[in-house]
C-alpha atoms as a PDB file:
ATOM      1  CA  MET A   1      32.384   6.965 -64.715  1.00  0.00           C
ATOM      2  CA  LEU A   2      28.915   6.811 -66.263  1.00  0.00           C
ATOM      3  CA  ILE A   3      25.742   6.920 -64.175  1.00  0.00           C
ATOM      4  CA  GLY A   4      24.943   3.215 -64.588  1.00  0.00           C
ATOM      5  CA  GLU A   5      28.312   2.123 -63.294  1.00  0.00           C
ATOM      6  CA  VAL A   6      28.130   4.645 -60.446  1.00  0.00           C
ATOM      7  CA  ALA A   7      24.757   3.178 -59.480  1.00  0.00           C
ATOM      8  CA  ARG A   8      26.131  -0.353 -59.455  1.00  0.00           C
ATOM      9  CA  ARG A   9      29.199   0.521 -57.393  1.00  0.00           C
ATOM     10  CA  SER A  10      27.512   2.887 -54.926  1.00  0.00           C
ATOM     11  CA  GLY A  11      24.193   1.090 -54.450  1.00  0.00           C
ATOM     12  CA  VAL A  12      22.362   4.343 -55.196  1.00  0.00           C
ATOM     13  CA  SER A  13      19.802   3.959 -57.965  1.00  0.00           C
ATOM     14  CA  THR A  14      20.081   5.969 -61.172  1.00  0.00           C
ATOM     15  CA  ARG A  15      16.731   7.528 -60.307  1.00  0.00           C
ATOM     16  CA  MET A  16      18.064   8.753 -56.955  1.00  0.00           C
ATOM     17  CA  LEU A  17      21.273  10.022 -58.578  1.00  0.00           C
ATOM     18  CA  ARG A  18      19.188  12.101 -60.966  1.00  0.00           C
ATOM     19  CA  HIS A  19      17.148  13.347 -57.998  1.00  0.00           C
ATOM     20  CA  TYR A  20      20.355  14.360 -56.211  1.00  0.00           C
ATOM     21  CA  GLU A  21      21.362  16.275 -59.329  1.00  0.00           C
ATOM     22  CA  SER A  22      18.007  18.063 -59.547  1.00  0.00           C
ATOM     23  CA  LEU A  23      18.425  19.186 -55.920  1.00  0.00           C
ATOM     24  CA  GLY A  24      22.005  20.313 -56.489  1.00  0.00           C
ATOM     25  CA  LEU A  25      23.418  17.789 -54.033  1.00  0.00           C
ATOM     26  CA  VAL A  26      25.645  15.903 -56.495  1.00  0.00           C
ATOM     27  CA  ARG A  27      26.169  17.216 -60.019  1.00  0.00           C
ATOM     28  CA  PRO A  28      28.317  15.136 -62.386  1.00  0.00           C
ATOM     29  CA  THR A  29      31.450  17.025 -63.277  1.00  0.00           C
ATOM     30  CA  GLY A  30      31.232  16.372 -66.981  1.00  0.00           C
ATOM     31  CA  ARG A  31      29.463  14.913 -69.962  1.00  0.00           C
ATOM     32  CA  THR A  32      30.642  12.494 -72.590  1.00  0.00           C
ATOM     33  CA  THR A  33      30.648  13.446 -76.279  1.00  0.00           C
ATOM     34  CA  GLY A  34      27.314  11.660 -76.466  1.00  0.00           C
ATOM     35  CA  GLY A  35      25.875  13.808 -73.654  1.00  0.00           C
ATOM     36  CA  TYR A  36      25.887  11.148 -70.933  1.00  0.00           C
ATOM     37  CA  ARG A  37      26.596  12.121 -67.326  1.00  0.00           C
ATOM     38  CA  GLU A  38      30.156  11.427 -66.265  1.00  0.00           C
ATOM     39  CA  TYR A  39      31.070  11.344 -62.572  1.00  0.00           C
ATOM     40  CA  SER A  40      34.567  12.081 -61.301  1.00  0.00           C
ATOM     41  CA  ASP A  41      36.174  10.483 -58.247  1.00  0.00           C
ATOM     42  CA  GLU A  42      35.291  13.626 -56.293  1.00  0.00           C
ATOM     43  CA  ASP A  43      31.643  13.334 -57.384  1.00  0.00           C
ATOM     44  CA  ILE A  44      31.526   9.734 -56.174  1.00  0.00           C
ATOM     45  CA  HIS A  45      33.078  10.758 -52.876  1.00  0.00           C
ATOM     46  CA  ARG A  46      30.304  13.354 -52.497  1.00  0.00           C
ATOM     47  CA  ILE A  47      27.671  10.691 -53.230  1.00  0.00           C
ATOM     48  CA  PHE A  48      28.990   8.585 -50.366  1.00  0.00           C
ATOM     49  CA  HIS A  49      29.045  11.693 -48.183  1.00  0.00           C
ATOM     50  CA  VAL A  50      25.372  12.300 -48.929  1.00  0.00           C
ATOM     51  CA  GLU A  51      24.491   8.674 -48.225  1.00  0.00           C
ATOM     52  CA  SER A  52      26.367   8.748 -44.933  1.00  0.00           C
ATOM     53  CA  LEU A  53      24.400  11.787 -43.785  1.00  0.00           C
ATOM     54  CA  ARG A  54      21.156  10.150 -44.905  1.00  0.00           C
ATOM     55  CA  SER A  55      21.977   7.125 -42.773  1.00  0.00           C
ATOM     56  CA  LEU A  56      22.002   9.450 -39.742  1.00  0.00           C
ATOM     57  CA  GLY A  57      18.429  10.419 -40.482  1.00  0.00           C
ATOM     58  CA  LEU A  58      18.966  13.816 -42.161  1.00  0.00           C
ATOM     59  CA  SER A  59      16.543  14.984 -44.776  1.00  0.00           C
ATOM     60  CA  LEU A  60      17.934  15.877 -48.194  1.00  0.00           C
ATOM     61  CA  ARG A  61      17.300  19.523 -47.399  1.00  0.00           C
ATOM     62  CA  GLN A  62      19.402  19.267 -44.234  1.00  0.00           C
ATOM     63  CA  ILE A  63      22.113  17.466 -46.172  1.00  0.00           C
ATOM     64  CA  GLY A  64      22.219  20.247 -48.749  1.00  0.00           C
ATOM     65  CA  ARG A  65      22.619  22.812 -45.993  1.00  0.00           C
ATOM     66  CA  ALA A  66      25.350  20.779 -44.309  1.00  0.00           C
ATOM     67  CA  LEU A  67      27.303  20.492 -47.556  1.00  0.00           C
ATOM     68  CA  GLU A  68      26.969  24.076 -48.734  1.00  0.00           C
ATOM     69  CA  ASP A  69      26.638  26.302 -45.632  1.00  0.00           C
ATOM     70  CA  PRO A  70      30.039  27.018 -44.017  1.00  0.00           C
ATOM     71  CA  ALA A  71      28.238  28.209 -40.865  1.00  0.00           C
ATOM     72  CA  PHE A  72      26.442  24.887 -40.447  1.00  0.00           C
ATOM     73  CA  THR A  73      28.815  23.198 -38.007  1.00  0.00           C
ATOM     74  CA  PRO A  74      28.966  19.483 -37.195  1.00  0.00           C
ATOM     75  CA  SER A  75      27.956  20.222 -33.598  1.00  0.00           C
ATOM     76  CA  ALA A  76      24.809  22.001 -34.781  1.00  0.00           C
ATOM     77  CA  LEU A  77      24.032  19.089 -37.071  1.00  0.00           C
ATOM     78  CA  VAL A  78      24.487  16.510 -34.314  1.00  0.00           C
ATOM     79  CA  GLY A  79      22.401  18.638 -31.940  1.00  0.00           C
ATOM     80  CA  ASP A  80      19.567  18.753 -34.471  1.00  0.00           C
ATOM     81  CA  LEU A  81      19.806  14.984 -34.936  1.00  0.00           C
ATOM     82  CA  ILE A  82      19.659  14.355 -31.200  1.00  0.00           C
ATOM     83  CA  ARG A  83      16.543  16.512 -30.785  1.00  0.00           C
ATOM     84  CA  TRP A  84      14.906  14.878 -33.790  1.00  0.00           C
ATOM     85  CA  ALA A  85      15.715  11.390 -32.479  1.00  0.00           C
ATOM     86  CA  GLU A  86      14.386  12.258 -29.001  1.00  0.00           C
ATOM     87  CA  ASP A  87      11.135  13.548 -30.476  1.00  0.00           C
ATOM     88  CA  ARG A  88      10.781  10.422 -32.609  1.00  0.00           C
ATOM     89  CA  LEU A  89      11.442   8.142 -29.628  1.00  0.00           C
ATOM     90  CA  ALA A  90       8.875  10.032 -27.537  1.00  0.00           C
ATOM     91  CA  ARG A  91       6.281   9.602 -30.272  1.00  0.00           C
ATOM     92  CA  GLU A  92       7.117   5.917 -30.605  1.00  0.00           C
ATOM     93  CA  ARG A  93       6.921   5.400 -26.831  1.00  0.00           C
ATOM     94  CA  GLU A  94       3.532   7.097 -26.797  1.00  0.00           C
ATOM     95  CA  LEU A  95       2.380   4.865 -29.642  1.00  0.00           C
ATOM     96  CA  LEU A  96       3.698   1.795 -27.828  1.00  0.00           C
ATOM     97  CA  GLU A  97       1.828   2.709 -24.650  1.00  0.00           C
ATOM     98  CA  ARG A  98      -1.355   3.258 -26.611  1.00  0.00           C
ATOM     99  CA  LEU A  99      -0.995  -0.107 -28.321  1.00  0.00           C
ATOM    100  CA  ARG A 100      -0.391  -1.831 -25.000  1.00  0.00           C
ATOM    101  CA  ALA A 101      -3.434  -0.125 -23.532  1.00  0.00           C
ATOM    102  CA  VAL A 102      -5.595  -1.242 -26.429  1.00  0.00           C
ATOM    103  CA  ASP A 103      -4.203  -4.767 -26.145  1.00  0.00           C
ATOM    104  CA  SER A 104      -4.816  -4.939 -22.387  1.00  0.00           C
ATOM    105  CA  SER A 105      -8.454  -3.973 -22.846  1.00  0.00           C
ATOM    106  CA  ALA A 106      -8.928  -6.982 -25.154  1.00  0.00           C
ATOM    107  CA  PRO A 107     -11.389  -5.370 -27.590  1.00  0.00           C
ATOM    108  CA  SER A 108     -13.382  -7.906 -29.567  1.00  0.00           C
ATOM    109  CA  ASP A 109     -13.738  -5.885 -32.753  1.00  0.00           C
ATOM    110  CA  TRP A 110     -12.427  -2.822 -34.593  1.00  0.00           C
ATOM    111  CA  GLN A 111     -15.201  -0.696 -33.142  1.00  0.00           C
ATOM    112  CA  GLY A 112     -13.860  -1.445 -29.677  1.00  0.00           C
ATOM    113  CA  VAL A 113     -10.334  -0.489 -30.737  1.00  0.00           C
ATOM    114  CA  LEU A 114     -11.533   2.797 -32.186  1.00  0.00           C
ATOM    115  CA  ARG A 115     -13.494   3.630 -29.050  1.00  0.00           C
ATOM    116  CA  ILE A 116     -10.491   3.036 -26.792  1.00  0.00           C
ATOM    117  CA  VAL A 117      -8.239   5.108 -29.050  1.00  0.00           C
ATOM    118  CA  GLU A 118     -10.804   7.921 -28.892  1.00  0.00           C
ATOM    119  CA  LEU A 119     -10.751   7.725 -25.103  1.00  0.00           C
ATOM    120  CA  MET A 120      -6.957   8.005 -25.038  1.00  0.00           C
ATOM    121  CA  ARG A 121      -7.079  10.966 -27.409  1.00  0.00           C
ATOM    122  CA  GLY A 122      -9.494  12.670 -25.043  1.00  0.00           C
ATOM    123  CA  LEU A 123      -7.195  12.053 -22.086  1.00  0.00           C
ATOM    124  CA  SER A 124      -4.291  13.666 -23.955  1.00  0.00           C
ATOM    125  CA  SER A 125      -6.288  16.802 -24.822  1.00  0.00           C
ATOM    126  CA  ALA A 126      -4.886  20.190 -23.832  1.00  0.00           C
ATOM    127  CA  SER A 127      -8.335  21.089 -22.480  1.00  0.00           C
ATOM    128  CA  ALA A 128      -8.995  20.077 -18.874  1.00  0.00           C
ATOM    129  CA  ALA A 129     -12.735  20.028 -19.581  1.00  0.00           C
ATOM    130  CA  SER A 130     -12.230  17.617 -22.480  1.00  0.00           C
ATOM    131  CA  ARG A 131     -10.049  15.339 -20.369  1.00  0.00           C
ATOM    132  CA  GLN A 132     -12.621  15.274 -17.609  1.00  0.00           C
ATOM    133  CA  GLN A 133     -15.426  14.567 -20.051  1.00  0.00           C
ATOM    134  CA  SER A 134     -13.458  11.652 -21.483  1.00  0.00           C
ATOM    135  CA  VAL A 135     -13.311  10.097 -18.025  1.00  0.00           C
ATOM    136  CA  LEU A 136     -16.894  10.765 -16.957  1.00  0.00           C
ATOM    137  CA  ALA A 137     -18.440   9.698 -20.271  1.00  0.00           C
ATOM    138  CA  PRO A 138     -16.387   6.689 -21.453  1.00  0.00           C
ATOM    139  CA  ALA A 139     -17.264   4.784 -24.571  1.00  0.00           C
ATOM    140  CA  GLU A 140     -20.342   2.634 -24.052  1.00  0.00           C
ATOM    141  CA  GLY A 141     -19.660  -1.067 -23.647  1.00  0.00           C
ATOM    142  CA  VAL A 142     -15.867  -0.677 -23.661  1.00  0.00           C
ATOM    143  CA  PRO A 143     -14.056  -1.091 -20.320  1.00  0.00           C
ATOM    144  CA  VAL A 144     -11.633   1.706 -19.464  1.00  0.00           C
ATOM    145  CA  PRO A 145      -8.095   0.237 -19.343  1.00  0.00           C
ATOM    146  CA  ALA A 146      -6.756   0.676 -15.800  1.00  0.00           C
ATOM    147  CA  GLU A 147      -3.225   1.230 -17.123  1.00  0.00           C
ATOM    148  CA  VAL A 148      -4.400   4.198 -19.205  1.00  0.00           C
ATOM    149  CA  LEU A 149      -6.198   5.740 -16.239  1.00  0.00           C
ATOM    150  CA  ALA A 150      -3.198   5.189 -13.954  1.00  0.00           C
ATOM    151  CA  ALA A 151      -0.838   6.916 -16.381  1.00  0.00           C
ATOM    152  CA  ALA A 152      -3.283   9.818 -16.668  1.00  0.00           C
ATOM    153  CA  VAL A 153      -3.620  10.068 -12.868  1.00  0.00           C
ATOM    154  CA  LEU A 154       0.146  10.353 -12.410  1.00  0.00           C
ATOM    155  CA  ALA A 155       0.407  13.061 -15.072  1.00  0.00           C
ATOM    156  CA  GLU A 156      -2.705  15.122 -14.275  1.00  0.00           C
ATOM    157  CA  ALA A 157      -2.171  18.502 -12.580  1.00  0.00           C
ATOM    158  CA  ASP A 158      -5.755  19.803 -12.745  1.00  0.00           C
ATOM    159  CA  ALA A 159      -7.540  19.032  -9.453  1.00  0.00           C
ATOM    160  CA  ASN A 160     -10.973  18.425 -10.995  1.00  0.00           C
ATOM    161  CA  VAL A 161      -9.692  16.139 -13.724  1.00  0.00           C
ATOM    162  CA  ALA A 162      -7.465  14.319 -11.236  1.00  0.00           C
ATOM    163  CA  GLY A 163     -10.466  13.661  -8.992  1.00  0.00           C
ATOM    164  CA  ALA A 164     -12.461  12.214 -11.890  1.00  0.00           C
ATOM    165  CA  LEU A 165      -9.527  10.041 -12.914  1.00  0.00           C
ATOM    166  CA  ARG A 166      -9.044   8.682  -9.397  1.00  0.00           C
ATOM    167  CA  TRP A 167     -12.769   7.933  -9.189  1.00  0.00           C
ATOM    168  CA  ALA A 168     -12.595   5.984 -12.452  1.00  0.00           C
ATOM    169  CA  LEU A 169      -9.366   4.232 -11.497  1.00  0.00           C
ATOM    170  CA  ALA A 170     -10.750   3.075  -8.144  1.00  0.00           C
ATOM    171  CA  ARG A 171     -13.556   1.349 -10.035  1.00  0.00           C
ATOM    172  CA  ALA A 172     -11.562   0.015 -12.966  1.00  0.00           C
ATOM    173  CA  GLY A 173     -10.076  -3.017 -11.192  1.00  0.00           C
ATOM    174  CA  GLY A 174      -7.434  -4.939 -13.083  1.00  0.00           C
ATOM    175  CA  ASP A 175      -3.864  -3.772 -12.590  1.00  0.00           C
ATOM    176  CA  GLY A 176      -4.840  -0.236 -11.599  1.00  0.00           C
ATOM    177  CA  LEU A 177      -3.237  -0.433  -8.149  1.00  0.00           C
ATOM    178  CA  ALA A 178       0.074  -1.794  -9.443  1.00  0.00           C
ATOM    179  CA  SER A 179       0.158   0.765 -12.246  1.00  0.00           C
ATOM    180  CA  VAL A 180      -0.480   3.808 -10.080  1.00  0.00           C
ATOM    181  CA  ALA A 181       1.654   2.531  -7.175  1.00  0.00           C
ATOM    182  CA  SER A 182       4.658   2.573  -9.498  1.00  0.00           C
ATOM    183  CA  GLY A 183       4.440   6.358  -9.264  1.00  0.00           C
ATOM    184  CA  LEU A 184       5.581   6.141  -5.638  1.00  0.00           C
ATOM    185  CA  ARG A 185       9.017   5.156  -6.925  1.00  0.00           C
ATOM    186  CA  SER A 186       9.310   8.280  -9.077  1.00  0.00           C
ATOM    187  CA  ASP A 187      11.998  10.892  -8.444  1.00  0.00           C
ATOM    188  CA  ASP A 188       9.328  13.542  -9.109  1.00  0.00           C
ATOM    189  CA  VAL A 189       7.638  14.429  -5.823  1.00  0.00           C
ATOM    190  CA  ASP A 190       4.484  15.648  -7.593  1.00  0.00           C
ATOM    191  CA  ILE A 191       4.036  12.230  -9.189  1.00  0.00           C
ATOM    192  CA  ARG A 192       4.504  10.525  -5.808  1.00  0.00           C
ATOM    193  CA  ARG A 193       1.892  12.817  -4.264  1.00  0.00           C
ATOM    194  CA  ARG A 194      -0.608  12.029  -7.014  1.00  0.00           C
ATOM    195  CA  ALA A 195       0.114   8.330  -6.654  1.00  0.00           C
ATOM    196  CA  VAL A 196      -0.431   8.178  -2.890  1.00  0.00           C
ATOM    197  CA  VAL A 197      -3.715  10.099  -3.106  1.00  0.00           C
ATOM    198  CA  ALA A 198      -4.952   7.691  -5.780  1.00  0.00           C
ATOM    199  CA  VAL A 199      -3.926   4.624  -3.760  1.00  0.00           C
ATOM    200  CA  ALA A 200      -5.619   6.085  -0.665  1.00  0.00           C
ATOM    201  CA  GLU A 201      -8.930   6.237  -2.527  1.00  0.00           C
ATOM    202  CA  MET A 202      -8.794   2.586  -3.564  1.00  0.00           C
ATOM    203  CA  SER A 203     -10.296  -0.280  -1.624  1.00  0.00           C
ATOM    204  CA  GLY A 204      -9.745  -3.991  -1.709  1.00  0.00           C
ATOM    205  CA  GLY A 205      -7.063  -4.609   0.893  1.00  0.00           C
ATOM    206  CA  GLU A 206      -3.984  -4.791  -1.300  1.00  0.00           C
ATOM    207  CA  GLU A 207      -3.454  -1.034  -1.119  1.00  0.00           C
ATOM    208  CA  THR A 208      -2.639  -1.276   2.622  1.00  0.00           C
ATOM    209  CA  ALA A 209       0.866  -2.619   1.985  1.00  0.00           C
ATOM    210  CA  VAL A 210       1.500   0.123  -0.587  1.00  0.00           C
ATOM    211  CA  LEU A 211       0.440   2.813   1.888  1.00  0.00           C
ATOM    212  CA  ALA A 212       2.649   1.324   4.591  1.00  0.00           C
ATOM    213  CA  GLY A 213       5.624   1.524   2.247  1.00  0.00           C
ATOM    214  CA  ALA A 214       4.901   5.204   1.581  1.00  0.00           C
ATOM    215  CA  LEU A 215       5.343   6.039   5.291  1.00  0.00           C
ATOM    216  CA  ASP A 216       9.105   6.117   4.639  1.00  0.00           C
ATOM    217  CA  ASP A 217       8.866   8.631   1.793  1.00  0.00           C
ATOM    218  CA  SER A 218      11.183  11.647   2.014  1.00  0.00           C
ATOM    219  CA  ASP A 219       8.274  14.025   1.394  1.00  0.00           C
ATOM    220  CA  ALA A 220       6.088  14.944   4.381  1.00  0.00           C
ATOM    221  CA  THR A 221       2.995  15.357   2.204  1.00  0.00           C
ATOM    222  CA  VAL A 222       3.315  11.836   0.808  1.00  0.00           C
ATOM    223  CA  ARG A 223       3.877  10.443   4.317  1.00  0.00           C
ATOM    224  CA  GLY A 224       0.864  12.359   5.610  1.00  0.00           C
ATOM    225  CA  HIS A 225      -1.540  11.095   2.941  1.00  0.00           C
ATOM    226  CA  ALA A 226      -0.308   7.542   3.503  1.00  0.00           C
ATOM    227  CA  ALA A 227      -0.627   7.768   7.303  1.00  0.00           C
ATOM    228  CA  LEU A 228      -4.161   9.191   7.246  1.00  0.00           C
ATOM    229  CA  ALA A 229      -5.368   6.558   4.793  1.00  0.00           C
ATOM    230  CA  LEU A 230      -3.562   3.702   6.533  1.00  0.00           C
ATOM    231  CA  GLY A 231      -4.682   4.781  10.002  1.00  0.00           C
ATOM    232  CA  SER A 232      -8.281   5.003   8.803  1.00  0.00           C
ATOM    233  CA  ARG A 233      -7.930   1.358   7.757  1.00  0.00           C
ATOM    234  CA  GLY A 234      -6.676   0.374  11.197  1.00  0.00           C
ATOM    235  CA  GLY A 235      -2.971   0.356  10.345  1.00  0.00           C
ATOM    236  CA  ILE A 236      -1.229   0.798  13.690  1.00  0.00           C
ATOM    237  CA  GLU A 237       2.103   1.355  11.923  1.00  0.00           C
ATOM    238  CA  ALA A 238       0.816   4.813  10.961  1.00  0.00           C
ATOM    239  CA  VAL A 239       0.851   6.019  14.584  1.00  0.00           C
ATOM    240  CA  PRO A 240       4.381   7.573  14.643  1.00  0.00           C
ATOM    241  CA  THR A 241       3.682   9.547  11.465  1.00  0.00           C
ATOM    242  CA  LEU A 242       0.258  10.663  12.706  1.00  0.00           C
ATOM    243  CA  VAL A 243       1.724  11.851  16.030  1.00  0.00           C
ATOM    244  CA  ALA A 244       4.429  13.727  14.116  1.00  0.00           C
ATOM    245  CA  MET A 245       1.713  15.384  12.023  1.00  0.00           C
ATOM    246  CA  VAL A 246      -0.039  16.585  15.183  1.00  0.00           C
ATOM    247  CA  ALA A 247       3.237  17.918  16.575  1.00  0.00           C
ATOM    248  CA  GLU A 248       4.152  19.689  13.349  1.00  0.00           C
ATOM    249  CA  GLY A 249       0.681  21.117  12.777  1.00  0.00           C
ATOM    250  CA  ALA A 250       0.291  19.414   9.390  1.00  0.00           C
ATOM    251  CA  ASN A 251      -3.357  18.330   9.124  1.00  0.00           C
ATOM    252  CA  ASP A 252      -3.127  17.953  12.901  1.00  0.00           C
ATOM    253  CA  VAL A 253      -6.890  17.897  13.558  1.00  0.00           C
ATOM    254  CA  GLU A 254      -7.464  15.140  11.001  1.00  0.00           C
ATOM    255  CA  ALA A 255      -4.433  13.223  12.272  1.00  0.00           C
ATOM    256  CA  ALA A 256      -5.741  13.451  15.853  1.00  0.00           C
ATOM    257  CA  GLU A 257      -9.136  12.128  14.772  1.00  0.00           C
ATOM    258  CA  VAL A 258      -7.513   9.140  13.054  1.00  0.00           C
ATOM    259  CA  LEU A 259      -5.432   8.479  16.171  1.00  0.00           C
ATOM    260  CA  GLY A 260      -8.651   8.491  18.178  1.00  0.00           C
ATOM    261  CA  THR A 261     -10.183   5.949  15.814  1.00  0.00           C
ATOM    262  CA  LEU A 262      -7.091   3.734  16.092  1.00  0.00           C
ATOM    263  CA  ALA A 263      -7.243   3.950  19.900  1.00  0.00           C
ATOM    264  CA  LEU A 264     -10.678   2.331  19.833  1.00  0.00           C
ATOM    265  CA  GLY A 265      -9.140  -0.872  18.487  1.00  0.00           C
ATOM    266  CA  SER A 266      -8.549  -3.719  20.877  1.00  0.00           C
ATOM    267  CA  GLY A 267      -5.200  -3.346  22.679  1.00  0.00           C
ATOM    268  CA  ARG A 268      -4.237  -0.229  20.719  1.00  0.00           C
ATOM    269  CA  ALA A 269      -5.250   2.590  23.052  1.00  0.00           C
ATOM    270  CA  GLU A 270      -2.178   2.234  25.251  1.00  0.00           C
ATOM    271  CA  GLN A 271       0.147   2.286  22.244  1.00  0.00           C
ATOM    272  CA  VAL A 272      -1.430   5.459  20.847  1.00  0.00           C
ATOM    273  CA  MET A 273      -1.472   7.172  24.238  1.00  0.00           C
ATOM    274  CA  SER A 274       2.144   6.218  24.879  1.00  0.00           C
ATOM    275  CA  ALA A 275       3.209   7.797  21.567  1.00  0.00           C
ATOM    276  CA  LEU A 276       1.389  11.044  22.376  1.00  0.00           C
ATOM    277  CA  VAL A 277       2.716  11.265  25.935  1.00  0.00           C
ATOM    278  CA  GLU A 278       6.265  10.534  24.779  1.00  0.00           C
ATOM    279  CA  GLU A 279       6.060  13.345  22.231  1.00  0.00           C
ATOM    280  CA  LEU A 280       4.650  15.695  24.916  1.00  0.00           C
ATOM    281  CA  ALA A 281       7.729  15.026  27.052  1.00  0.00           C
ATOM    282  CA  ALA A 282      10.215  15.528  24.212  1.00  0.00           C
ATOM    283  CA  PRO A 283      12.797  18.207  25.130  1.00  0.00           C
ATOM    284  CA  ALA A 284      12.438  19.878  21.734  1.00  0.00           C
ATOM    285  CA  ALA A 285       8.661  20.296  22.018  1.00  0.00           C
ATOM    286  CA  ASP A 286       7.775  23.971  22.372  1.00  0.00           C
ATOM    287  CA  SER A 287       4.541  25.375  23.779  1.00  0.00           C
ATOM    288  CA  ALA A 288       2.635  25.338  20.482  1.00  0.00           C
ATOM    289  CA  VAL A 289       3.611  21.729  19.809  1.00  0.00           C
ATOM    290  CA  ARG A 290       2.583  20.614  23.303  1.00  0.00           C
ATOM    291  CA  ILE A 291      -0.751  22.424  23.031  1.00  0.00           C
ATOM    292  CA  ARG A 292      -1.574  20.566  19.797  1.00  0.00           C
ATOM    293  CA  LEU A 293      -0.613  17.252  21.384  1.00  0.00           C
ATOM    294  CA  THR A 294      -2.705  18.064  24.453  1.00  0.00           C
ATOM    295  CA  GLN A 295      -5.693  18.868  22.266  1.00  0.00           C
ATOM    296  CA  ALA A 296      -5.265  15.519  20.502  1.00  0.00           C
ATOM    297  CA  LEU A 297      -5.724  13.730  23.831  1.00  0.00           C
ATOM    298  CA  VAL A 298      -9.406  14.616  23.842  1.00  0.00           C
ATOM    299  CA  GLU A 299      -9.860  12.194  20.914  1.00  0.00           C
ATOM    300  CA  MET A 300      -8.593   9.312  23.053  1.00  0.00           C
ATOM    301  CA  PRO A 301     -10.766   7.029  25.227  1.00  0.00           C
ATOM    302  CA  ALA A 302     -11.812   9.119  28.221  1.00  0.00           C
ATOM    303  CA  ALA A 303     -10.621   6.584  30.787  1.00  0.00           C
ATOM    304  CA  LEU A 304      -7.034   6.942  29.522  1.00  0.00           C
ATOM    305  CA  ALA A 305      -7.015  10.611  28.555  1.00  0.00           C
ATOM    306  CA  GLN A 306      -8.552  11.881  31.813  1.00  0.00           C
ATOM    307  CA  ASP A 307      -5.549  11.097  34.019  1.00  0.00           C
ATOM    308  CA  VAL A 308      -3.006  12.524  31.561  1.00  0.00           C
ATOM    309  CA  LEU A 309      -5.011  15.719  31.085  1.00  0.00           C
ATOM    310  CA  GLN A 310      -5.401  16.060  34.857  1.00  0.00           C
ATOM    311  CA  GLN A 311      -1.626  15.914  35.242  1.00  0.00           C
ATOM    312  CA  LEU A 312      -1.150  18.444  32.455  1.00  0.00           C
ATOM    313  CA  SER A 313      -3.506  20.830  34.274  1.00  0.00           C
ATOM    314  CA  ASP A 314      -0.575  21.468  36.645  1.00  0.00           C
ATOM    315  CA  ASP A 315       2.004  21.788  33.861  1.00  0.00           C
ATOM    316  CA  ASP A 316       4.704  24.438  34.220  1.00  0.00           C
ATOM    317  CA  ASP A 317       3.638  25.857  30.859  1.00  0.00           C
ATOM    318  CA  ARG A 318       0.516  27.785  31.808  1.00  0.00           C
ATOM    319  CA  ALA A 319      -0.854  27.764  28.252  1.00  0.00           C
ATOM    320  CA  VAL A 320      -0.688  23.968  28.192  1.00  0.00           C
ATOM    321  CA  ALA A 321      -2.186  23.811  31.693  1.00  0.00           C
ATOM    322  CA  ARG A 322      -5.167  25.988  30.719  1.00  0.00           C
ATOM    323  CA  VAL A 323      -5.896  23.890  27.617  1.00  0.00           C
ATOM    324  CA  ALA A 324      -5.643  20.668  29.621  1.00  0.00           C
ATOM    325  CA  SER A 325      -7.988  22.001  32.322  1.00  0.00           C
ATOM    326  CA  ALA A 326     -10.554  22.969  29.711  1.00  0.00           C
ATOM    327  CA  LEU A 327     -10.370  19.534  28.111  1.00  0.00           C
ATOM    328  CA  VAL A 328     -10.835  17.843  31.481  1.00  0.00           C
ATOM    329  CA  GLY A 329     -14.131  19.707  31.643  1.00  0.00           C
ATOM    330  CA  VAL A 330     -15.029  18.538  28.155  1.00  0.00           C
ATOM    331  CA  LEU A 331     -14.441  14.904  29.085  1.00  0.00           C
ATOM    332  CA  ASP A 332     -16.453  15.345  32.307  1.00  0.00           C
ATOM    333  CA  GLU A 333     -19.398  16.629  30.259  1.00  0.00           C
ATOM    334  CA  ARG A 334     -19.144  13.682  27.909  1.00  0.00           C
ATOM    335  CA  SER A 335     -19.213  11.206  30.765  1.00  0.00           C
ATOM    336  CA  LYS A 336     -22.455  12.583  32.193  1.00  0.00           C
ATOM    337  CA  PRO A 337     -25.532  10.479  31.487  1.00  0.00           C
END
């Protein structure tokens, strides 16, 4: 079969057939008396083989190796294709996110687009200093897309850069809270920790519900950040987590201070005191736990804490009793005019 007819039947152009021949992929078996290329049935079968491999995304070089190298197994070929496809999809997802970020910022001209793209390039730099500089010195006159900052916050491991990103995100407005709060649903605990810290540094009121939801997180660090931030905002639902933090010795001083602040709220002192006293009486509470809880009582309103500390001064655990006695003295000094 001559090259023209092969091209018509196979859908492969004569130019591409000649290219295949030059690469050694498909060589016509014979020539006519006039010197024209003549393809056998086996040659045509090989053409379709080449085209099938091309449809999978292989380069012509890979196809040549697959056809000629006995050691090049189908499993190796498929493995290469999978990795190549994954890399391509990752690049396309990155491009899609960049396009969405540019679109969300609503630039009015090409200069605005270019400035936002430059910002995103800076945020993806391997240099922590460059990433931080991109945040602290954004393009003049172009708002920083909150979605871009949120994605960077959830991915950033460097403490200094993360701090700069959270600072920028807290001021960006828009959908920043929703974007970063999505990180609290991640299976990656590091992402959830970054998300809760970022939400804790935001203000506006809507973040309170997000922080309350994080109190049920499986990670103690996430729960702790959420409880401290929520309690500082007056969220009484943070009390059980804050008391647990005191008992466990995880940021116990800070947790006790927040409990003291909550106890100043109208009608809340009794609830906070009740939670502390209940934990003090827990059968599983050892001496160290009870000492931390006793120390936390000094942050409570003196009128309520005084009686409890007085009772603890006679506690069977002498270490707890000594701490309670000392704190009774502290409260007495505070009450003096």
